[in-house]
Structure formats: C-alpha cells, structure tokens
Amino acid sequence: MLEKTLSIVLSKKLSLKSDDIDMIITSPPYFNVQTYAWCNWLRLWFLGYDYRSIRKSLSETGSETLYRQFMKESIGEMFRVLKPNGKCFLIVGDIKKKNDGKKITTINIYDFLRETILESGFKIEFVIEDSVPKSKKVFTYLKNEDGVKTERIICMRK
C-alpha cells in the first residue's frame, strides 16, 4: 500500500489508464520547504521503512527549474488520467526563497504554475486562498514570519 501511495506522490508516471479517474485531490511538494519523508519518519518507521531511503525517491528541490519540470510532468499525468470534465484540486503553498543569498522573496506558487496548468490542457475554474496561522503549522516553534503563510486550492477541470 505504501508503494502505491508513494508512486502517486511522485505522480510523474502513474500506472493508470487514460481518462479513467473522476477526481484528483493532491498537495504536491512545496519546493524544499516541506520534507515529507523526514516529517513522516515515525509513520514510515512503524510501517517498516527508513525515511532516508524513501526520501531518495521523492522530489524535494529548491530549484525553480527542477520544480517547474517536476510539476509539468505531474500535471500532464493528472490531465492524462482524468476523465473528460474530471476535476483536479491542487493544494499549493507560497514559499519564501533567498535570492543571491540575501534578499528573501515570496513565490506565489499558483502564479508560478498557472501557465504550466493551462499549457497542460486544464481549465482553471477557481482558486481559494487560505492563510495558515502559526497555530496550524506542523512546526509550531517557527516564528510568525517563517514557514508557509498562504496556501491556495486550485480547482482545475479537464
């Protein structure tokens, strides 16, 4: 079961028929902000897996180029497996990134992925923006200005 879950997380090459799925709800990696394997090390340990070996198979990158390519492949696969008029809900979070090692800028991941989504063939039906208060963050020790502050749910239709 875990292998299937991880292959869906990787989503660049799904072993599903084309036009076979009614709906997808997913939250892809948030660049290098969220380390899924490490954050779930205890669950993985209980299931008999070492998070370090699982981490090697996941996409965790701080590179905008590599992230965009990963998402282009993943969104393309999601489009392929959805039935006509099927819906895909993509939950993404804005991230902060240092430019030239000094200035910190916020990247709106919806804006970052919008063109990629449209090029895949999806139609964007609506976007819901949601703030993430400190009390709802996994790492509550973070300062208010740290971590993901805004998430968006992108509703896409094939």
N, C-alpha and C. Protein backbone atom coordinates (compact mmCIF):
# COMPACT_ATOMS: atom_id res chain seq x y z
N MET A 1 0.82 -1.20 0.00
CA MET A 1 0.00 0.00 0.00
C MET A 1 0.86 1.26 0.00
N LEU A 2 1.92 1.29 0.80
CA LEU A 2 2.77 2.47 0.85
C LEU A 2 3.41 2.73 -0.51
N GLU A 3 3.84 1.68 -1.20
CA GLU A 3 4.46 1.86 -2.52
C GLU A 3 3.49 2.55 -3.47
N LYS A 4 2.21 2.18 -3.44
CA LYS A 4 1.22 2.82 -4.30
C LYS A 4 1.07 4.28 -3.94
N THR A 5 1.00 4.57 -2.65
CA THR A 5 0.88 5.95 -2.20
C THR A 5 2.07 6.77 -2.67
N LEU A 6 3.27 6.23 -2.50
CA LEU A 6 4.46 6.96 -2.92
C LEU A 6 4.50 7.17 -4.42
N SER A 7 4.04 6.18 -5.20
CA SER A 7 4.06 6.36 -6.65
C SER A 7 3.09 7.45 -7.05
N ILE A 8 1.99 7.60 -6.32
CA ILE A 8 1.06 8.68 -6.61
C ILE A 8 1.68 10.01 -6.21
N VAL A 9 2.41 10.04 -5.11
CA VAL A 9 3.10 11.26 -4.71
C VAL A 9 4.07 11.68 -5.82
N LEU A 10 4.75 10.71 -6.39
CA LEU A 10 5.70 11.02 -7.45
C LEU A 10 4.98 11.45 -8.72
N SER A 11 3.85 10.91 -8.99
CA SER A 11 2.87 11.32 -10.00
C SER A 11 3.39 11.68 -11.38
N LYS A 12 4.64 11.50 -11.65
CA LYS A 12 5.12 11.81 -12.98
C LYS A 12 4.83 10.68 -13.97
N LYS A 13 4.57 9.51 -13.43
CA LYS A 13 4.32 8.34 -14.28
C LYS A 13 3.35 7.42 -13.55
N LEU A 14 2.06 7.69 -13.71
CA LEU A 14 1.06 6.91 -13.00
C LEU A 14 0.71 5.64 -13.78
N SER A 15 0.55 4.55 -13.08
CA SER A 15 0.18 3.30 -13.74
C SER A 15 -1.34 3.17 -13.79
N LEU A 16 -1.97 4.15 -14.39
CA LEU A 16 -3.42 4.19 -14.54
C LEU A 16 -3.76 4.40 -16.01
N LYS A 17 -4.94 3.95 -16.40
CA LYS A 17 -5.39 4.14 -17.77
C LYS A 17 -5.72 5.62 -18.00
N SER A 18 -5.63 6.04 -19.23
CA SER A 18 -6.04 7.40 -19.60
C SER A 18 -7.54 7.54 -19.43
N ASP A 19 -7.99 8.73 -19.09
CA ASP A 19 -9.42 9.05 -18.97
C ASP A 19 -10.15 8.08 -18.03
N ASP A 20 -9.54 7.74 -16.91
CA ASP A 20 -10.09 6.71 -16.03
C ASP A 20 -10.51 7.22 -14.65
N ILE A 21 -10.09 8.42 -14.26
CA ILE A 21 -10.29 8.92 -12.90
C ILE A 21 -11.26 10.10 -12.92
N ASP A 22 -12.17 10.12 -11.95
CA ASP A 22 -13.15 11.21 -11.86
C ASP A 22 -12.59 12.46 -11.21
N MET A 23 -11.78 12.28 -10.15
CA MET A 23 -11.31 13.43 -9.38
C MET A 23 -9.95 13.13 -8.75
N ILE A 24 -9.14 14.17 -8.68
CA ILE A 24 -7.84 14.09 -8.01
C ILE A 24 -7.78 15.22 -6.99
N ILE A 25 -7.36 14.88 -5.79
CA ILE A 25 -7.08 15.89 -4.75
C ILE A 25 -5.66 15.61 -4.30
N THR A 26 -4.79 16.59 -4.47
CA THR A 26 -3.39 16.37 -4.14
C THR A 26 -2.72 17.65 -3.66
N SER A 27 -1.66 17.46 -2.92
CA SER A 27 -0.83 18.56 -2.46
C SER A 27 0.61 18.20 -2.78
N PRO A 28 1.13 18.72 -3.87
CA PRO A 28 2.50 18.37 -4.26
C PRO A 28 3.52 18.99 -3.32
N PRO A 29 4.78 18.59 -3.45
CA PRO A 29 5.83 19.16 -2.60
C PRO A 29 5.87 20.69 -2.72
N TYR A 30 6.24 21.35 -1.64
CA TYR A 30 6.35 22.80 -1.59
C TYR A 30 7.82 23.19 -1.75
N PHE A 31 8.37 22.98 -2.94
CA PHE A 31 9.80 23.20 -3.16
C PHE A 31 10.55 22.45 -2.07
N ASN A 32 11.52 23.08 -1.45
CA ASN A 32 12.30 22.40 -0.42
C ASN A 32 11.83 22.82 0.97
N VAL A 33 10.61 23.35 1.06
CA VAL A 33 10.08 23.82 2.33
C VAL A 33 9.63 22.66 3.19
N GLN A 34 8.94 21.71 2.60
CA GLN A 34 8.38 20.57 3.33
C GLN A 34 9.16 19.31 2.97
N THR A 35 9.72 18.67 3.94
CA THR A 35 10.44 17.43 3.70
C THR A 35 9.55 16.28 4.16
N TYR A 36 8.78 15.75 3.24
CA TYR A 36 7.74 14.78 3.56
C TYR A 36 8.27 13.53 4.23
N ALA A 37 9.35 12.98 3.74
CA ALA A 37 9.88 11.74 4.33
C ALA A 37 10.30 11.99 5.78
N TRP A 38 11.06 13.06 6.00
CA TRP A 38 11.53 13.35 7.36
C TRP A 38 10.35 13.67 8.27
N CYS A 39 9.38 14.45 7.79
CA CYS A 39 8.23 14.83 8.61
C CYS A 39 7.38 13.61 8.98
N ASN A 40 7.48 12.55 8.20
CA ASN A 40 6.68 11.35 8.45
C ASN A 40 7.55 10.17 8.87
N TRP A 41 8.73 10.44 9.41
CA TRP A 41 9.67 9.37 9.74
C TRP A 41 9.07 8.34 10.69
N LEU A 42 8.27 8.79 11.65
CA LEU A 42 7.71 7.86 12.62
C LEU A 42 6.68 6.93 11.96
N ARG A 43 5.80 7.50 11.15
CA ARG A 43 4.83 6.67 10.43
C ARG A 43 5.55 5.65 9.56
N LEU A 44 6.56 6.12 8.85
CA LEU A 44 7.33 5.22 7.98
C LEU A 44 8.02 4.13 8.79
N TRP A 45 8.57 4.49 9.94
CA TRP A 45 9.24 3.52 10.79
C TRP A 45 8.26 2.43 11.24
N PHE A 46 7.04 2.85 11.66
CA PHE A 46 6.03 1.87 12.07
C PHE A 46 5.65 0.93 10.93
N LEU A 47 5.74 1.43 9.69
CA LEU A 47 5.41 0.62 8.52
C LEU A 47 6.60 -0.19 8.02
N GLY A 48 7.74 -0.04 8.70
CA GLY A 48 8.92 -0.82 8.35
C GLY A 48 9.81 -0.19 7.30
N TYR A 49 9.70 1.12 7.10
CA TYR A 49 10.51 1.83 6.11
C TYR A 49 11.45 2.81 6.80
N ASP A 50 12.55 3.06 6.15
CA ASP A 50 13.51 4.06 6.62
C ASP A 50 13.26 5.33 5.81
N TYR A 51 12.98 6.43 6.49
CA TYR A 51 12.65 7.67 5.80
C TYR A 51 13.76 8.10 4.84
N ARG A 52 15.01 7.76 5.15
CA ARG A 52 16.13 8.17 4.28
C ARG A 52 16.04 7.50 2.91
N SER A 53 15.64 6.25 2.86
CA SER A 53 15.53 5.57 1.57
C SER A 53 14.30 6.07 0.81
N ILE A 54 13.22 6.37 1.52
CA ILE A 54 12.02 6.91 0.88
C ILE A 54 12.31 8.30 0.33
N ARG A 55 13.05 9.09 1.09
CA ARG A 55 13.36 10.47 0.67
C ARG A 55 14.05 10.52 -0.68
N LYS A 56 14.89 9.53 -0.98
CA LYS A 56 15.60 9.49 -2.25
C LYS A 56 14.65 9.39 -3.44
N SER A 57 13.47 8.81 -3.22
CA SER A 57 12.52 8.63 -4.33
C SER A 57 11.56 9.81 -4.48
N LEU A 58 11.60 10.76 -3.56
CA LEU A 58 10.70 11.90 -3.61
C LEU A 58 11.36 13.10 -4.27
N SER A 59 10.53 14.02 -4.73
CA SER A 59 11.03 15.25 -5.33
C SER A 59 11.09 16.34 -4.27
N GLU A 60 12.28 16.65 -3.83
CA GLU A 60 12.49 17.76 -2.89
C GLU A 60 13.60 18.61 -3.47
N THR A 61 13.27 19.79 -3.92
CA THR A 61 14.26 20.65 -4.54
C THR A 61 13.98 22.11 -4.23
N GLY A 62 15.03 22.89 -4.21
CA GLY A 62 14.90 24.33 -4.08
C GLY A 62 15.06 25.03 -5.42
N SER A 63 15.29 24.26 -6.47
CA SER A 63 15.49 24.80 -7.81
C SER A 63 14.15 25.07 -8.49
N GLU A 64 13.94 26.30 -8.92
CA GLU A 64 12.70 26.64 -9.62
C GLU A 64 12.59 25.87 -10.92
N THR A 65 13.69 25.69 -11.62
CA THR A 65 13.69 24.97 -12.89
C THR A 65 13.30 23.51 -12.69
N LEU A 66 13.93 22.84 -11.72
CA LEU A 66 13.62 21.43 -11.46
C LEU A 66 12.20 21.27 -10.95
N TYR A 67 11.74 22.18 -10.10
CA TYR A 67 10.38 22.10 -9.56
C TYR A 67 9.36 22.28 -10.68
N ARG A 68 9.59 23.26 -11.55
CA ARG A 68 8.65 23.50 -12.65
C ARG A 68 8.57 22.27 -13.55
N GLN A 69 9.72 21.65 -13.84
CA GLN A 69 9.73 20.45 -14.69
C GLN A 69 8.99 19.31 -14.01
N PHE A 70 9.24 19.09 -12.73
CA PHE A 70 8.52 18.06 -11.97
C PHE A 70 7.01 18.29 -12.04
N MET A 71 6.59 19.53 -11.82
CA MET A 71 5.17 19.84 -11.82
C MET A 71 4.57 19.75 -13.22
N LYS A 72 5.33 20.11 -14.24
CA LYS A 72 4.84 19.98 -15.62
C LYS A 72 4.54 18.51 -15.92
N GLU A 73 5.45 17.61 -15.54
CA GLU A 73 5.25 16.19 -15.77
C GLU A 73 4.08 15.66 -14.94
N SER A 74 4.00 16.09 -13.69
CA SER A 74 2.94 15.62 -12.80
C SER A 74 1.57 16.11 -13.26
N ILE A 75 1.47 17.38 -13.59
CA ILE A 75 0.19 17.94 -14.05
C ILE A 75 -0.22 17.28 -15.36
N GLY A 76 0.74 17.02 -16.24
CA GLY A 76 0.45 16.32 -17.50
C GLY A 76 -0.12 14.94 -17.26
N GLU A 77 0.43 14.22 -16.29
CA GLU A 77 -0.07 12.88 -15.95
C GLU A 77 -1.46 12.96 -15.34
N MET A 78 -1.69 13.96 -14.49
CA MET A 78 -3.01 14.11 -13.88
C MET A 78 -4.05 14.40 -14.97
N PHE A 79 -3.68 15.23 -15.93
CA PHE A 79 -4.59 15.53 -17.04
C PHE A 79 -4.88 14.25 -17.83
N ARG A 80 -3.86 13.47 -18.09
CA ARG A 80 -4.00 12.24 -18.88
C ARG A 80 -4.97 11.26 -18.22
N VAL A 81 -4.87 11.05 -16.91
CA VAL A 81 -5.68 10.02 -16.26
C VAL A 81 -7.10 10.48 -15.92
N LEU A 82 -7.35 11.78 -15.92
CA LEU A 82 -8.70 12.28 -15.61
C LEU A 82 -9.66 12.05 -16.78
N LYS A 83 -10.89 11.73 -16.43
CA LYS A 83 -11.94 11.63 -17.44
C LYS A 83 -12.25 13.04 -17.96
N PRO A 84 -12.82 13.13 -19.17
CA PRO A 84 -13.28 14.45 -19.63
C PRO A 84 -14.22 15.07 -18.61
N ASN A 85 -14.04 16.33 -18.35
CA ASN A 85 -14.76 17.10 -17.34
C ASN A 85 -14.41 16.70 -15.91
N GLY A 86 -13.41 15.82 -15.72
CA GLY A 86 -12.94 15.47 -14.39
C GLY A 86 -12.31 16.67 -13.72
N LYS A 87 -12.27 16.64 -12.41
CA LYS A 87 -11.72 17.77 -11.65
C LYS A 87 -10.44 17.35 -10.93
N CYS A 88 -9.55 18.31 -10.83
CA CYS A 88 -8.32 18.13 -10.07
C CYS A 88 -8.18 19.32 -9.13
N PHE A 89 -8.00 19.01 -7.86
CA PHE A 89 -7.79 20.05 -6.84
C PHE A 89 -6.34 19.96 -6.41
N LEU A 90 -5.62 21.02 -6.68
CA LEU A 90 -4.20 21.10 -6.37
C LEU A 90 -4.02 22.08 -5.22
N ILE A 91 -3.46 21.62 -4.11
CA ILE A 91 -3.26 22.48 -2.95
C ILE A 91 -1.78 22.85 -2.90
N VAL A 92 -1.51 24.13 -3.03
CA VAL A 92 -0.12 24.60 -3.07
C VAL A 92 0.08 25.72 -2.05
N GLY A 93 1.30 25.87 -1.59
CA GLY A 93 1.61 26.91 -0.62
C GLY A 93 2.69 27.83 -1.12
N ASP A 94 2.53 29.12 -0.85
CA ASP A 94 3.57 30.08 -1.20
C ASP A 94 4.82 29.77 -0.40
N ILE A 95 5.96 30.03 -0.99
CA ILE A 95 7.22 29.78 -0.29
C ILE A 95 8.07 31.04 -0.31
N LYS A 96 8.98 31.10 0.63
CA LYS A 96 9.97 32.17 0.68
C LYS A 96 11.28 31.61 0.17
N LYS A 97 11.98 32.42 -0.60
CA LYS A 97 13.24 31.96 -1.16
C LYS A 97 14.25 33.11 -1.13
N LYS A 98 15.48 32.75 -0.78
CA LYS A 98 16.54 33.75 -0.79
C LYS A 98 17.07 33.90 -2.20
N ASN A 99 17.16 35.16 -2.64
CA ASN A 99 17.76 35.46 -3.94
C ASN A 99 19.16 36.01 -3.69
N ASP A 100 20.11 35.50 -4.41
CA ASP A 100 21.51 35.91 -4.26
C ASP A 100 21.99 35.75 -2.81
N GLY A 101 21.35 34.84 -2.07
CA GLY A 101 21.78 34.56 -0.71
C GLY A 101 21.42 35.62 0.31
N LYS A 102 20.74 36.69 -0.10
CA LYS A 102 20.46 37.78 0.84
C LYS A 102 18.98 38.13 0.90
N LYS A 103 18.44 38.66 -0.19
CA LYS A 103 17.07 39.14 -0.21
C LYS A 103 16.09 37.96 -0.25
N ILE A 104 15.08 38.01 0.63
CA ILE A 104 14.07 36.97 0.68
C ILE A 104 12.82 37.46 -0.05
N THR A 105 12.36 36.64 -1.01
CA THR A 105 11.14 36.97 -1.74
C THR A 105 10.14 35.83 -1.55
N THR A 106 8.87 36.17 -1.67
CA THR A 106 7.81 35.17 -1.59
C THR A 106 7.41 34.79 -3.00
N ILE A 107 7.31 33.48 -3.25
CA ILE A 107 6.88 32.99 -4.55
C ILE A 107 5.46 32.47 -4.41
N ASN A 108 4.53 33.09 -5.15
CA ASN A 108 3.15 32.66 -5.20
C ASN A 108 3.13 31.45 -6.15
N ILE A 109 2.97 30.25 -5.60
CA ILE A 109 3.08 29.03 -6.40
C ILE A 109 1.95 28.93 -7.42
N TYR A 110 0.78 29.47 -7.13
CA TYR A 110 -0.28 29.50 -8.15
C TYR A 110 0.18 30.29 -9.37
N ASP A 111 0.69 31.49 -9.14
CA ASP A 111 1.20 32.29 -10.26
C ASP A 111 2.34 31.56 -10.97
N PHE A 112 3.19 30.92 -10.20
CA PHE A 112 4.34 30.19 -10.73
C PHE A 112 3.89 29.04 -11.63
N LEU A 113 2.78 28.37 -11.28
CA LEU A 113 2.33 27.19 -12.03
C LEU A 113 1.20 27.47 -13.03
N ARG A 114 0.63 28.65 -13.00
CA ARG A 114 -0.56 28.95 -13.82
C ARG A 114 -0.36 28.61 -15.29
N GLU A 115 0.71 29.07 -15.88
CA GLU A 115 0.96 28.83 -17.31
C GLU A 115 1.13 27.32 -17.57
N THR A 116 1.84 26.64 -16.69
CA THR A 116 2.05 25.20 -16.83
C THR A 116 0.71 24.46 -16.79
N ILE A 117 -0.17 24.87 -15.89
CA ILE A 117 -1.50 24.26 -15.77
C ILE A 117 -2.28 24.44 -17.06
N LEU A 118 -2.31 25.67 -17.58
CA LEU A 118 -3.07 25.96 -18.79
C LEU A 118 -2.47 25.25 -20.00
N GLU A 119 -1.14 25.19 -20.09
CA GLU A 119 -0.49 24.50 -21.21
C GLU A 119 -0.80 23.01 -21.23
N SER A 120 -1.08 22.43 -20.07
CA SER A 120 -1.39 21.00 -19.98
C SER A 120 -2.76 20.69 -20.57
N GLY A 121 -3.61 21.69 -20.68
CA GLY A 121 -4.97 21.49 -21.19
C GLY A 121 -6.04 21.73 -20.15
N PHE A 122 -5.65 21.86 -18.89
CA PHE A 122 -6.63 22.12 -17.83
C PHE A 122 -7.23 23.51 -17.97
N LYS A 123 -8.45 23.64 -17.53
CA LYS A 123 -9.11 24.94 -17.37
C LYS A 123 -9.14 25.21 -15.87
N ILE A 124 -8.79 26.41 -15.48
CA ILE A 124 -8.82 26.77 -14.06
C ILE A 124 -10.22 27.32 -13.76
N GLU A 125 -10.95 26.63 -12.88
CA GLU A 125 -12.30 27.05 -12.54
C GLU A 125 -12.32 28.09 -11.44
N PHE A 126 -11.53 27.88 -10.39
CA PHE A 126 -11.44 28.87 -9.32
C PHE A 126 -10.23 28.56 -8.45
N VAL A 127 -9.87 29.56 -7.65
CA VAL A 127 -8.76 29.43 -6.71
C VAL A 127 -9.24 29.96 -5.37
N ILE A 128 -9.03 29.18 -4.32
CA ILE A 128 -9.36 29.61 -2.97
C ILE A 128 -8.06 29.89 -2.23
N GLU A 129 -7.95 31.07 -1.67
CA GLU A 129 -6.75 31.44 -0.90
C GLU A 129 -7.04 31.30 0.58
N ASP A 130 -6.09 30.73 1.29
CA ASP A 130 -6.27 30.48 2.72
C ASP A 130 -4.99 30.82 3.45
N SER A 131 -5.10 31.58 4.54
CA SER A 131 -3.91 31.88 5.33
C SER A 131 -3.67 30.74 6.32
N VAL A 132 -2.41 30.52 6.65
CA VAL A 132 -2.03 29.46 7.57
C VAL A 132 -1.51 30.11 8.84
N PRO A 133 -2.34 30.15 9.89
CA PRO A 133 -1.88 30.76 11.14
C PRO A 133 -0.82 29.90 11.81
N LYS A 134 0.00 30.52 12.60
CA LYS A 134 1.09 29.82 13.29
C LYS A 134 0.57 28.62 14.07
N SER A 135 -0.59 28.73 14.66
CA SER A 135 -1.14 27.65 15.49
C SER A 135 -1.50 26.41 14.67
N LYS A 136 -1.57 26.53 13.35
CA LYS A 136 -1.93 25.40 12.49
C LYS A 136 -0.72 24.80 11.77
N LYS A 137 0.45 25.35 12.03
CA LYS A 137 1.65 24.85 11.37
C LYS A 137 2.16 23.61 12.08
N VAL A 138 2.75 22.72 11.31
CA VAL A 138 3.32 21.49 11.87
C VAL A 138 4.41 21.83 12.88
N PHE A 139 5.27 22.76 12.50
CA PHE A 139 6.37 23.16 13.37
C PHE A 139 5.97 24.44 14.10
N THR A 140 5.36 24.28 15.26
CA THR A 140 4.84 25.43 15.99
C THR A 140 5.94 26.31 16.57
N TYR A 141 7.17 25.82 16.56
CA TYR A 141 8.27 26.63 17.07
C TYR A 141 8.70 27.71 16.07
N LEU A 142 8.19 27.66 14.85
CA LEU A 142 8.55 28.66 13.85
C LEU A 142 8.02 30.03 14.25
N LYS A 143 8.73 31.06 13.85
CA LYS A 143 8.27 32.42 14.06
C LYS A 143 7.08 32.67 13.13
N ASN A 144 6.29 33.69 13.45
CA ASN A 144 5.13 34.01 12.61
C ASN A 144 5.50 34.24 11.15
N GLU A 145 6.65 34.84 10.91
CA GLU A 145 7.05 35.15 9.54
C GLU A 145 7.69 33.96 8.82
N ASP A 146 7.95 32.87 9.52
CA ASP A 146 8.59 31.70 8.92
C ASP A 146 7.55 30.70 8.44
N GLY A 147 7.98 29.82 7.53
CA GLY A 147 7.11 28.76 7.03
C GLY A 147 6.10 29.28 6.02
N VAL A 148 5.18 28.41 5.64
CA VAL A 148 4.16 28.75 4.65
C VAL A 148 3.08 29.58 5.33
N LYS A 149 2.80 30.75 4.77
CA LYS A 149 1.78 31.63 5.34
C LYS A 149 0.47 31.58 4.55
N THR A 150 0.58 31.25 3.25
CA THR A 150 -0.60 31.24 2.39
C THR A 150 -0.63 29.97 1.56
N GLU A 151 -1.78 29.32 1.56
CA GLU A 151 -1.99 28.17 0.69
C GLU A 151 -3.14 28.51 -0.25
N ARG A 152 -3.14 27.84 -1.40
CA ARG A 152 -4.21 28.03 -2.37
C ARG A 152 -4.70 26.67 -2.85
N ILE A 153 -6.00 26.57 -3.00
CA ILE A 153 -6.61 25.38 -3.61
C ILE A 153 -6.99 25.78 -5.03
N ILE A 154 -6.38 25.12 -5.99
CA ILE A 154 -6.64 25.41 -7.40
C ILE A 154 -7.58 24.33 -7.92
N CYS A 155 -8.76 24.72 -8.35
CA CYS A 155 -9.70 23.77 -8.93
C CYS A 155 -9.54 23.83 -10.45
N MET A 156 -9.15 22.68 -11.01
CA MET A 156 -8.92 22.58 -12.45
C MET A 156 -9.90 21.57 -13.05
N ARG A 157 -10.33 21.83 -14.27
CA ARG A 157 -11.23 20.90 -14.96
C ARG A 157 -10.60 20.50 -16.28
N LYS A 158 -10.72 19.21 -16.60
CA LYS A 158 -10.19 18.71 -17.87
C LYS A 158 -11.16 19.06 -18.98
